[in-house]
């Protein structure tokens, strides 16, 4: 039951982003705000997660996981209810920052509890299962969110987030006791020393950089695509939800393939996956110059990207979780916080981009893929 409880908690952070992406244009209209300001609700959520993961993930090695996890889930529930009654977009952004802190703490505790319970050898399979559970969020969340927006309104999305967190809270409370048995007195100098130990490890540093970039590629459709598909191409929230559903399915299939290929050396999977990423993104960008605002090449490009990220992401996630099992809380905190900081910075920048053509959208994907490919080449060379 502890394993099931861990899997239930795994999507809490992800659905906090994916569920309400179909509602972004409608929240923009409801509050009369700008598109760039509305997109900041995601950037500030990520920025809040940076603090939540770093602070609570670090102190968890001294104070344990259970109380922090329960308190964070409770805070997350309350904040999402408050968002429903927000009087302005500025208030929504502030509350999203706070909910990001709570969700970041939940994500960090979730990984740390898994590291506490399972051995390094077991974590390879456990991390794959957790990645699959995380992948269910992008599959179901926008799909559900599209219907909630179409038939109820954007407020229903945040009520749903609070309700799901309540289910996760119940699972943790009843099925997972305190898992950290090697608590130590909080020591600032030791914490900073642990940070240095983690961030000077090339494998660890490369894994968190790649995790952030790959995650961001996966998020582009939700952040930018919501406005592109609904405002420019004039499709409904339900259609956007269906499109996001199929992208999530592609990611999920990728994680299944990764799990089936656990006997294959990671270096081979990395090499093949990155070559395919670069090839297909360049191909579809070239095609975009010969078609006019067609949804087909965009969706094919994103579908292939999501599938390949489903293979790549578990590899890097497994590295961040297994390299330093004795520093489960701190390593989870540093890894998660660093990923969130990368995503927050990229999403903040992307939020101010006005994507009005298919070629511009696909160019954004290709540039990000090339950055990820460059990081891969440098880290592989150093390793």
Protein backbone atom coordinates (compact mmCIF):
# COMPACT_ATOMS: atom_id res chain seq x y z
CA UNK A 1 0.00 0.00 0.00
CA UNK A 2 2.94 2.33 0.59
CA UNK A 3 3.95 1.89 -3.05
CA UNK A 4 0.40 2.74 -4.19
CA UNK A 5 0.38 5.81 -1.93
CA UNK A 6 3.66 6.98 -3.47
CA UNK A 7 2.22 6.60 -6.96
CA UNK A 8 -0.94 8.51 -6.02
CA UNK A 9 1.19 11.44 -4.78
CA UNK A 10 3.52 11.46 -7.79
CA UNK A 11 1.17 13.35 -10.20
CA UNK A 12 0.21 16.03 -7.62
CA UNK A 13 2.82 18.46 -8.91
CA UNK A 14 2.32 17.74 -12.62
CA UNK A 15 -1.45 18.08 -12.70
CA UNK A 16 -1.04 21.42 -10.92
CA UNK A 17 0.17 22.66 -14.30
CA UNK A 18 -1.53 20.45 -16.87
CA UNK A 19 -5.10 20.45 -15.56
CA UNK A 20 -5.83 24.12 -16.10
CA UNK A 21 -3.88 24.77 -19.32
CA UNK A 22 -7.13 24.54 -21.37
CA UNK A 23 -8.44 27.38 -19.18
CA UNK A 24 -5.55 29.82 -19.73
CA UNK A 25 -7.22 31.81 -22.56
CA UNK A 26 -10.49 31.87 -20.62
CA UNK A 27 -8.85 33.04 -17.40
CA UNK A 28 -7.18 35.72 -19.50
CA UNK A 29 -10.58 36.89 -20.75
CA UNK A 30 -12.25 36.56 -17.33
CA UNK A 31 -9.74 38.83 -15.56
CA UNK A 32 -9.12 41.07 -18.57
CA UNK A 33 -5.36 40.55 -18.29
CA UNK A 34 -2.65 40.21 -20.92
CA UNK A 35 -1.60 36.86 -22.39
CA UNK A 36 1.93 37.21 -21.00
CA UNK A 37 0.57 37.93 -17.49
CA UNK A 38 -1.71 34.89 -17.63
CA UNK A 39 1.19 32.66 -18.63
CA UNK A 40 3.04 33.85 -15.52
CA UNK A 41 0.66 31.73 -13.44
CA UNK A 42 2.72 28.77 -14.62
CA UNK A 43 6.13 30.46 -14.33
CA UNK A 44 5.46 31.59 -10.76
CA UNK A 45 4.13 28.14 -9.84
CA UNK A 46 7.48 26.74 -10.99
CA UNK A 47 9.39 29.46 -9.17
CA UNK A 48 7.49 28.65 -5.98
CA UNK A 49 8.30 24.98 -6.50
CA UNK A 50 12.00 25.92 -6.60
CA UNK A 51 11.77 27.26 -3.05
CA UNK A 52 9.50 24.46 -1.85
CA UNK A 53 11.80 21.72 -3.05
CA UNK A 54 15.00 23.38 -1.92
CA UNK A 55 13.88 24.41 1.56
CA UNK A 56 11.65 21.55 2.64
CA UNK A 57 13.62 18.87 0.82
CA UNK A 58 16.74 19.97 2.68
CA UNK A 59 15.28 20.22 6.18
CA UNK A 60 13.55 16.86 5.68
CA UNK A 61 16.89 15.11 6.24
CA UNK A 62 16.86 16.63 9.73
CA UNK A 63 13.17 16.63 10.62
CA UNK A 64 11.74 13.73 8.61
CA UNK A 65 9.35 13.46 5.67
CA UNK A 66 5.89 12.66 7.01
CA UNK A 67 4.95 15.90 8.82
CA UNK A 68 6.27 18.04 5.98
CA UNK A 69 4.37 15.99 3.38
CA UNK A 70 1.08 16.17 5.31
CA UNK A 71 1.44 19.90 6.01
CA UNK A 72 2.31 20.66 2.39
CA UNK A 73 -0.67 18.75 1.02
CA UNK A 74 -3.00 20.49 3.46
CA UNK A 75 -1.64 23.92 2.45
CA UNK A 76 -1.99 22.99 -1.22
CA UNK A 77 -5.66 22.15 -0.74
CA UNK A 78 -6.42 25.45 1.01
CA UNK A 79 -4.54 27.59 -1.54
CA UNK A 80 -6.33 26.04 -4.52
CA UNK A 81 -9.69 26.82 -2.91
CA UNK A 82 -8.57 30.43 -2.38
CA UNK A 83 -7.63 30.75 -6.08
CA UNK A 84 -11.28 30.14 -6.99
CA UNK A 85 -12.23 33.36 -5.21
CA UNK A 86 -9.36 35.50 -6.54
CA UNK A 87 -10.41 39.06 -7.48
CA UNK A 88 -7.61 39.62 -10.02
CA UNK A 89 -4.93 37.91 -12.07
CA UNK A 90 -2.28 39.41 -9.76
CA UNK A 91 -3.88 37.55 -6.85
CA UNK A 92 -3.97 34.32 -8.87
CA UNK A 93 -0.25 34.68 -9.65
CA UNK A 94 0.59 35.27 -5.96
CA UNK A 95 -1.47 32.26 -4.88
CA UNK A 96 0.04 30.12 -7.63
CA UNK A 97 3.47 30.99 -6.27
CA UNK A 98 2.38 29.77 -2.82
CA UNK A 99 0.78 26.64 -4.24
CA UNK A 100 4.04 26.01 -6.11
CA UNK A 101 5.92 26.06 -2.80
CA UNK A 102 3.52 23.47 -1.38
CA UNK A 103 3.53 21.31 -4.53
CA UNK A 104 7.33 21.51 -4.74
CA UNK A 105 7.58 20.28 -1.18
CA UNK A 106 5.22 17.38 -1.99
CA UNK A 107 7.29 16.45 -5.05
CA UNK A 108 10.53 16.51 -3.09
CA UNK A 109 9.09 14.44 -0.23
CA UNK A 110 7.64 11.97 -2.70
CA UNK A 111 11.06 11.25 -4.23
CA UNK A 112 12.78 11.21 -0.83
CA UNK A 113 10.27 8.72 0.61
CA UNK A 114 10.83 6.43 -2.36
CA UNK A 115 14.60 6.64 -1.84
CA UNK A 116 14.15 5.84 1.86
CA UNK A 117 11.99 2.78 1.23
CA UNK A 118 13.80 1.19 -1.72
CA UNK A 119 17.42 0.25 -2.41
CA UNK A 120 19.48 1.79 -5.22
CA UNK A 121 18.98 -1.34 -7.34
CA UNK A 122 15.21 -1.28 -6.76
CA UNK A 123 15.02 2.44 -7.56
CA UNK A 124 15.65 1.79 -11.26
CA UNK A 125 12.30 0.03 -11.52
CA UNK A 126 10.58 2.23 -8.93
CA UNK A 127 11.63 5.43 -10.71
CA UNK A 128 10.22 4.02 -13.96
CA UNK A 129 6.91 3.28 -12.22
CA UNK A 130 6.86 6.76 -10.68
CA UNK A 131 7.60 8.29 -14.07
CA UNK A 132 4.69 6.34 -15.56
CA UNK A 133 2.45 7.60 -12.73
CA UNK A 134 3.68 11.12 -13.38
CA UNK A 135 2.93 10.57 -17.06
CA UNK A 136 -0.72 9.85 -16.30
CA UNK A 137 -1.03 13.52 -15.28
CA UNK A 138 -0.29 14.93 -18.75
CA UNK A 139 -2.58 12.28 -20.25
CA UNK A 140 -5.66 12.80 -18.13
CA UNK A 141 -5.29 16.28 -16.61
CA UNK A 142 -5.73 18.48 -19.76
CA UNK A 143 -8.40 16.08 -21.01
CA UNK A 144 -10.37 16.49 -17.77
CA UNK A 145 -9.53 20.19 -17.63
CA UNK A 146 -10.92 20.73 -21.13
CA UNK A 147 -14.32 19.35 -20.12
CA UNK A 148 -14.29 21.24 -16.81
CA UNK A 149 -13.62 24.48 -18.68
CA UNK A 150 -16.18 23.79 -21.41
CA UNK A 151 -19.07 22.88 -19.11
CA UNK A 152 -18.31 24.55 -15.75
CA UNK A 153 -15.50 27.10 -15.96
CA UNK A 154 -11.89 27.65 -14.95
CA UNK A 155 -12.72 27.61 -11.22
CA UNK A 156 -13.64 23.93 -11.43
CA UNK A 157 -10.05 23.06 -12.35
CA UNK A 158 -8.70 24.39 -9.06
CA UNK A 159 -11.44 22.67 -7.05
CA UNK A 160 -10.39 19.44 -8.75
CA UNK A 161 -6.73 20.06 -7.81
CA UNK A 162 -7.72 20.50 -4.17
CA UNK A 163 -9.87 17.37 -4.23
CA UNK A 164 -7.08 15.24 -5.72
CA UNK A 165 -4.64 16.56 -3.10
CA UNK A 166 -7.13 15.48 -0.44
CA UNK A 167 -7.03 11.93 -1.82
CA UNK A 168 -3.21 12.03 -1.76
CA UNK A 169 -3.24 13.37 1.79
CA UNK A 170 -5.44 10.46 2.92
CA UNK A 171 -3.13 7.93 1.23
CA UNK A 172 -0.04 9.36 2.93
CA UNK A 173 -1.70 9.67 6.32
CA UNK A 174 -2.92 6.06 6.43
CA UNK A 175 -0.26 4.12 4.53
CA UNK A 176 3.17 5.78 4.81
CA UNK A 177 4.78 6.20 8.24
CA UNK A 178 7.93 8.22 8.80
CA UNK A 179 10.48 6.73 6.39
CA UNK A 180 13.63 8.67 7.31
CA UNK A 181 15.35 6.79 10.13
CA UNK A 182 18.74 8.57 9.98
CA UNK A 183 17.75 12.05 11.10
CA UNK A 184 20.56 14.43 11.97
CA UNK A 185 20.76 17.86 13.56
CA UNK A 186 20.37 20.66 11.05
CA UNK A 187 23.80 22.08 10.31
CA UNK A 188 24.11 24.96 7.87
CA UNK A 189 27.77 24.27 7.05
CA UNK A 190 27.00 20.59 6.43
CA UNK A 191 24.03 21.48 4.23
CA UNK A 192 26.15 23.80 2.10
CA UNK A 193 28.80 21.07 1.92
CA UNK A 194 26.18 18.61 0.69
CA UNK A 195 25.05 21.12 -1.94
CA UNK A 196 28.62 21.41 -3.15
CA UNK A 197 29.04 17.63 -3.20
CA UNK A 198 25.94 17.24 -5.34
CA UNK A 199 26.45 20.13 -7.75
CA UNK A 200 30.10 19.31 -8.44
CA UNK A 201 29.18 15.79 -9.52
CA UNK A 202 29.09 15.86 -13.32
CA UNK A 203 26.54 13.09 -13.68
CA UNK A 204 24.19 14.70 -11.17
CA UNK A 205 24.55 18.19 -12.65
CA UNK A 206 24.06 16.95 -16.22
CA UNK A 207 20.98 14.98 -15.18
CA UNK A 208 19.23 17.95 -13.56
CA UNK A 209 19.99 20.29 -16.48
CA UNK A 210 18.61 17.77 -18.96
CA UNK A 211 15.57 17.05 -16.78
CA UNK A 212 14.69 20.75 -16.76
CA UNK A 213 15.10 21.22 -20.52
CA UNK A 214 13.22 18.04 -21.43
CA UNK A 215 10.38 18.87 -19.04
CA UNK A 216 10.10 22.31 -20.62
CA UNK A 217 9.83 20.86 -24.13
CA UNK A 218 6.95 18.78 -22.83
CA UNK A 219 5.27 21.88 -21.33
CA UNK A 220 5.45 24.09 -24.41
CA UNK A 221 2.18 22.80 -25.82
CA UNK A 222 0.34 23.57 -22.58
CA UNK A 223 1.78 27.06 -22.10
CA UNK A 224 2.02 28.31 -25.69
CA UNK A 225 -0.23 25.81 -27.44
CA UNK A 226 -3.31 26.64 -25.37
CA UNK A 227 -3.45 30.12 -26.88
CA UNK A 228 -2.24 28.98 -30.32
CA UNK A 229 -4.85 26.22 -30.66
CA UNK A 230 -7.81 28.05 -29.08
CA UNK A 231 -7.25 31.72 -29.94
CA UNK A 232 -5.49 31.46 -33.32
CA UNK A 233 -6.90 28.22 -34.72
CA UNK A 234 -10.26 28.62 -32.91
CA UNK A 235 -10.60 25.13 -31.48
CA UNK A 236 -12.56 24.52 -28.26
CA UNK A 237 -11.09 23.68 -24.82
CA UNK A 238 -12.37 20.13 -25.28
CA UNK A 239 -10.44 19.73 -28.54
CA UNK A 240 -7.34 21.13 -26.87
CA UNK A 241 -7.88 18.61 -24.07
CA UNK A 242 -8.06 15.76 -26.58
CA UNK A 243 -4.86 16.92 -28.28
CA UNK A 244 -3.09 17.11 -24.93
CA UNK A 245 -4.45 13.65 -24.11
CA UNK A 246 -2.79 12.14 -27.19
CA UNK A 247 0.48 13.92 -26.38
CA UNK A 248 0.30 12.45 -22.90
CA UNK A 249 -0.34 9.01 -24.38
CA UNK A 250 2.81 9.42 -26.50
CA UNK A 251 4.83 10.24 -23.39
CA UNK A 252 3.27 7.30 -21.54
CA UNK A 253 4.16 4.91 -24.38
CA UNK A 254 7.73 6.24 -24.22
CA UNK A 255 7.97 5.45 -20.50
CA UNK A 256 6.61 1.93 -21.14
CA UNK A 257 9.24 1.41 -23.85
CA UNK A 258 11.92 2.69 -21.47
CA UNK A 259 10.74 0.27 -18.79
CA UNK A 260 10.82 -2.61 -21.31
CA UNK A 261 14.38 -1.68 -22.32
CA UNK A 262 15.90 -1.57 -18.82
CA UNK A 263 18.43 -4.20 -19.92
CA UNK A 264 19.72 -1.91 -22.71
CA UNK A 265 22.62 0.35 -21.79
CA UNK A 266 21.49 3.92 -21.07
CA UNK A 267 24.17 5.40 -23.33
CA UNK A 268 22.65 3.62 -26.35
CA UNK A 269 19.14 4.84 -25.56
CA UNK A 270 20.40 8.40 -25.04
CA UNK A 271 22.32 8.43 -28.32
CA UNK A 272 19.45 7.09 -30.45
CA UNK A 273 16.78 9.22 -28.75
CA UNK A 274 18.68 12.50 -29.11
CA UNK A 275 19.52 11.86 -32.76
CA UNK A 276 15.85 11.22 -33.50
CA UNK A 277 14.80 14.35 -31.58
CA UNK A 278 17.07 16.58 -33.64
CA UNK A 279 16.16 14.88 -36.93
CA UNK A 280 12.38 15.04 -36.57
CA UNK A 281 12.26 18.58 -35.15
CA UNK A 282 14.36 19.85 -38.06
CA UNK A 283 12.21 17.91 -40.53
CA UNK A 284 8.90 19.29 -39.30
CA UNK A 285 10.25 22.83 -39.16
CA UNK A 286 11.20 22.49 -42.84
CA UNK A 287 7.73 21.15 -43.64
CA UNK A 288 6.10 24.09 -41.86
CA UNK A 289 7.37 26.51 -44.50
CA UNK A 290 5.20 24.76 -47.09
CA UNK A 291 1.95 24.55 -45.11
CA UNK A 292 -0.20 27.30 -43.63
CA UNK A 293 -1.13 27.05 -39.95
CA UNK A 294 -1.76 23.32 -40.22
CA UNK A 295 -2.28 21.47 -36.95
CA UNK A 296 -1.08 18.12 -38.35
CA UNK A 297 2.71 18.74 -38.55
CA UNK A 298 2.65 20.45 -35.15
CA UNK A 299 0.92 17.50 -33.48
CA UNK A 300 3.12 14.92 -35.22
CA UNK A 301 6.22 16.82 -34.09
CA UNK A 302 5.02 17.08 -30.48
CA UNK A 303 3.81 13.46 -30.45
CA UNK A 304 7.28 12.22 -31.45
CA UNK A 305 8.96 14.60 -28.98
CA UNK A 306 6.73 13.39 -26.14
CA UNK A 307 7.45 9.73 -26.97
CA UNK A 308 11.23 10.29 -26.97
CA UNK A 309 11.09 12.38 -23.79
CA UNK A 310 9.21 9.47 -22.21
CA UNK A 311 12.35 7.40 -22.86
CA UNK A 312 14.88 10.06 -21.85
CA UNK A 313 13.30 11.57 -18.76
CA UNK A 314 13.24 8.37 -16.62
CA UNK A 315 16.96 7.88 -17.33
CA UNK A 316 17.86 11.30 -15.95
CA UNK A 317 15.33 11.05 -13.12
CA UNK A 318 16.84 7.72 -12.07
CA UNK A 319 20.30 9.31 -11.91
CA UNK A 320 19.16 12.15 -9.65
CA UNK A 321 17.44 9.67 -7.32
CA UNK A 322 20.10 6.95 -7.10
CA UNK A 323 23.50 8.68 -7.12
CA UNK A 324 23.32 9.85 -3.49
CA UNK A 325 20.88 7.61 -1.55
CA UNK A 326 22.40 8.71 1.79
CA UNK A 327 21.31 12.28 0.96
CA UNK A 328 17.84 11.38 -0.25
CA UNK A 329 16.12 14.54 0.97
CA UNK A 330 18.90 16.93 0.02
CA UNK A 331 19.58 15.38 -3.38
CA UNK A 332 15.86 15.33 -4.16
CA UNK A 333 15.61 18.95 -3.03
CA UNK A 334 18.57 20.16 -5.08
CA UNK A 335 17.58 18.17 -8.16
CA UNK A 336 13.93 19.18 -8.05
CA UNK A 337 14.66 22.82 -7.21
CA UNK A 338 17.24 23.12 -9.97
CA UNK A 339 14.84 21.64 -12.50
CA UNK A 340 12.11 24.04 -11.40
CA UNK A 341 14.46 27.01 -11.65
CA UNK A 342 15.40 26.03 -15.20
CA UNK A 343 11.76 25.56 -16.20
CA UNK A 344 10.69 28.78 -14.48
CA UNK A 345 13.34 30.76 -16.37
CA UNK A 346 12.51 29.19 -19.75
CA UNK A 347 8.73 29.44 -19.28
CA UNK A 348 9.06 33.06 -18.12
CA UNK A 349 10.94 33.86 -21.34
CA UNK A 350 8.54 31.84 -23.50
CA UNK A 351 5.60 33.61 -21.88
CA UNK A 352 6.60 36.88 -23.51
CA UNK A 353 6.98 35.33 -26.97
CA UNK A 354 4.14 35.97 -29.40
CA UNK A 355 3.79 32.75 -31.39
CA UNK A 356 1.54 33.47 -34.35
CA UNK A 357 2.71 30.98 -37.00
CA UNK A 358 3.37 27.27 -37.18
CA UNK A 359 7.02 27.87 -38.15
CA UNK A 360 7.61 30.05 -35.08
CA UNK A 361 6.13 27.38 -32.83
CA UNK A 362 8.23 24.58 -34.33
CA UNK A 363 11.36 26.76 -34.27
CA UNK A 364 10.87 27.15 -30.52
CA UNK A 365 10.87 23.35 -30.20
CA UNK A 366 13.95 22.91 -32.39
CA UNK A 367 16.00 25.55 -30.55
CA UNK A 368 15.24 23.93 -27.19
CA UNK A 369 16.00 20.45 -28.53
CA UNK A 370 19.35 21.69 -29.87
CA UNK A 371 20.22 23.14 -26.45
CA UNK A 372 19.41 19.78 -24.86
CA UNK A 373 21.44 17.94 -27.52
CA UNK A 374 24.43 20.23 -26.90
CA UNK A 375 24.28 19.56 -23.15
CA UNK A 376 24.14 15.83 -23.91
CA UNK A 377 27.26 16.03 -26.09
CA UNK A 378 29.23 17.92 -23.46
CA UNK A 379 28.19 15.70 -20.53
CA UNK A 380 28.82 12.52 -22.46
CA UNK A 381 32.27 13.76 -23.48
CA UNK A 382 33.14 14.60 -19.89
CA UNK A 383 31.83 11.31 -18.56
